[in-house]
Amino acid sequence: MFSTGQLIFAGCFVIAFIALMIYSYRKDIKLHRKYYKGSLFILIGFIVFIFLLFVLKVYLKPE
């Protein structure tokens, strides 16, 4: 399906991408704490909303 060279490239790309994302996040961590305070509650709210939609879909499914 994939050649050895493609797999090696994909592995190197993933490692480099993750390392760059970690570096960027660490560099901007002070700004994140200042400007995105309380965003965790919004994320939790979205997750609860999606979970409730899933529950409604399962229980209101016509038989």
C-alpha atoms as a PDB file:
ATOM      1  CA  MET A   1       0.000   0.000   0.000  1.00  0.00           C
ATOM      2  CA  PHE A   2       2.726   2.483   1.008  1.00  0.00           C
ATOM      3  CA  SER A   3       6.385   2.205   0.135  1.00  0.00           C
ATOM      4  CA  THR A   4       9.068   2.188   2.811  1.00  0.00           C
ATOM      5  CA  GLY A   5      10.172   5.692   1.854  1.00  0.00           C
ATOM      6  CA  GLN A   6       6.633   7.032   2.214  1.00  0.00           C
ATOM      7  CA  LEU A   7       6.272   5.476   5.659  1.00  0.00           C
ATOM      8  CA  ILE A   8       9.609   6.923   6.793  1.00  0.00           C
ATOM      9  CA  PHE A   9       8.607  10.359   5.488  1.00  0.00           C
ATOM     10  CA  ALA A  10       5.231  10.163   7.242  1.00  0.00           C
ATOM     11  CA  GLY A  11       6.888   9.189  10.526  1.00  0.00           C
ATOM     12  CA  CYS A  12       9.432  12.004  10.313  1.00  0.00           C
ATOM     13  CA  PHE A  13       6.704  14.482   9.377  1.00  0.00           C
ATOM     14  CA  VAL A  14       4.522  13.499  12.333  1.00  0.00           C
ATOM     15  CA  ILE A  15       7.432  13.744  14.777  1.00  0.00           C
ATOM     16  CA  ALA A  16       8.518  17.146  13.410  1.00  0.00           C
ATOM     17  CA  PHE A  17       4.942  18.473  13.400  1.00  0.00           C
ATOM     18  CA  ILE A  18       4.316  17.434  17.015  1.00  0.00           C
ATOM     19  CA  ALA A  19       7.666  18.884  18.126  1.00  0.00           C
ATOM     20  CA  LEU A  20       6.878  22.195  16.400  1.00  0.00           C
ATOM     21  CA  MET A  21       3.411  22.352  17.977  1.00  0.00           C
ATOM     22  CA  ILE A  22       4.854  21.711  21.459  1.00  0.00           C
ATOM     23  CA  TYR A  23       7.524  24.380  20.906  1.00  0.00           C
ATOM     24  CA  SER A  24       4.953  26.928  19.708  1.00  0.00           C
ATOM     25  CA  TYR A  25       2.624  26.229  22.611  1.00  0.00           C
ATOM     26  CA  ARG A  26       5.427  26.526  25.181  1.00  0.00           C
ATOM     27  CA  LYS A  27       6.532  29.829  23.662  1.00  0.00           C
ATOM     28  CA  ASP A  28       3.035  31.346  23.917  1.00  0.00           C
ATOM     29  CA  ILE A  29       1.901  29.790  27.206  1.00  0.00           C
ATOM     30  CA  LYS A  30       1.770  33.146  29.053  1.00  0.00           C
ATOM     31  CA  LEU A  31      -0.489  34.633  26.385  1.00  0.00           C
ATOM     32  CA  HIS A  32      -2.728  31.562  26.470  1.00  0.00           C
ATOM     33  CA  ARG A  33      -3.210  31.872  30.216  1.00  0.00           C
ATOM     34  CA  LYS A  34      -4.049  35.576  29.904  1.00  0.00           C
ATOM     35  CA  TYR A  35      -6.411  35.605  26.917  1.00  0.00           C
ATOM     36  CA  TYR A  36      -8.006  32.147  27.040  1.00  0.00           C
ATOM     37  CA  LYS A  37      -8.925  32.007  30.717  1.00  0.00           C
ATOM     38  CA  GLY A  38     -12.149  30.015  31.171  1.00  0.00           C
ATOM     39  CA  SER A  39     -12.030  28.342  27.775  1.00  0.00           C
ATOM     40  CA  LEU A  40     -11.950  24.936  29.452  1.00  0.00           C
ATOM     41  CA  PHE A  41     -15.555  25.448  30.583  1.00  0.00           C
ATOM     42  CA  ILE A  42     -16.600  26.197  27.008  1.00  0.00           C
ATOM     43  CA  LEU A  43     -14.912  22.991  25.823  1.00  0.00           C
ATOM     44  CA  ILE A  44     -16.686  21.000  28.537  1.00  0.00           C
ATOM     45  CA  GLY A  45     -19.975  22.621  27.508  1.00  0.00           C
ATOM     46  CA  PHE A  46     -19.500  21.577  23.871  1.00  0.00           C
ATOM     47  CA  ILE A  47     -18.646  18.019  24.879  1.00  0.00           C
ATOM     48  CA  VAL A  48     -21.741  17.794  27.104  1.00  0.00           C
ATOM     49  CA  PHE A  49     -23.910  19.221  24.295  1.00  0.00           C
ATOM     50  CA  ILE A  50     -22.623  16.676  21.755  1.00  0.00           C
ATOM     51  CA  PHE A  51     -23.107  13.875  24.294  1.00  0.00           C
ATOM     52  CA  LEU A  52     -26.707  14.992  24.895  1.00  0.00           C
ATOM     53  CA  LEU A  53     -27.372  15.041  21.146  1.00  0.00           C
ATOM     54  CA  PHE A  54     -26.034  11.501  20.891  1.00  0.00           C
ATOM     55  CA  VAL A  55     -28.197  10.337  23.807  1.00  0.00           C
ATOM     56  CA  LEU A  56     -31.294  11.931  22.246  1.00  0.00           C
ATOM     57  CA  LYS A  57     -30.527  10.282  18.919  1.00  0.00           C
ATOM     58  CA  VAL A  58     -30.235   6.842  20.525  1.00  0.00           C
ATOM     59  CA  TYR A  59     -33.358   7.096  22.692  1.00  0.00           C
ATOM     60  CA  LEU A  60     -35.632   8.807  20.158  1.00  0.00           C
ATOM     61  CA  LYS A  61     -34.791   6.433  17.322  1.00  0.00           C
ATOM     62  CA  PRO A  62     -37.998   5.156  15.707  1.00  0.00           C
ATOM     63  CA  GLU A  63     -38.450   1.405  15.879  1.00  0.00           C
END
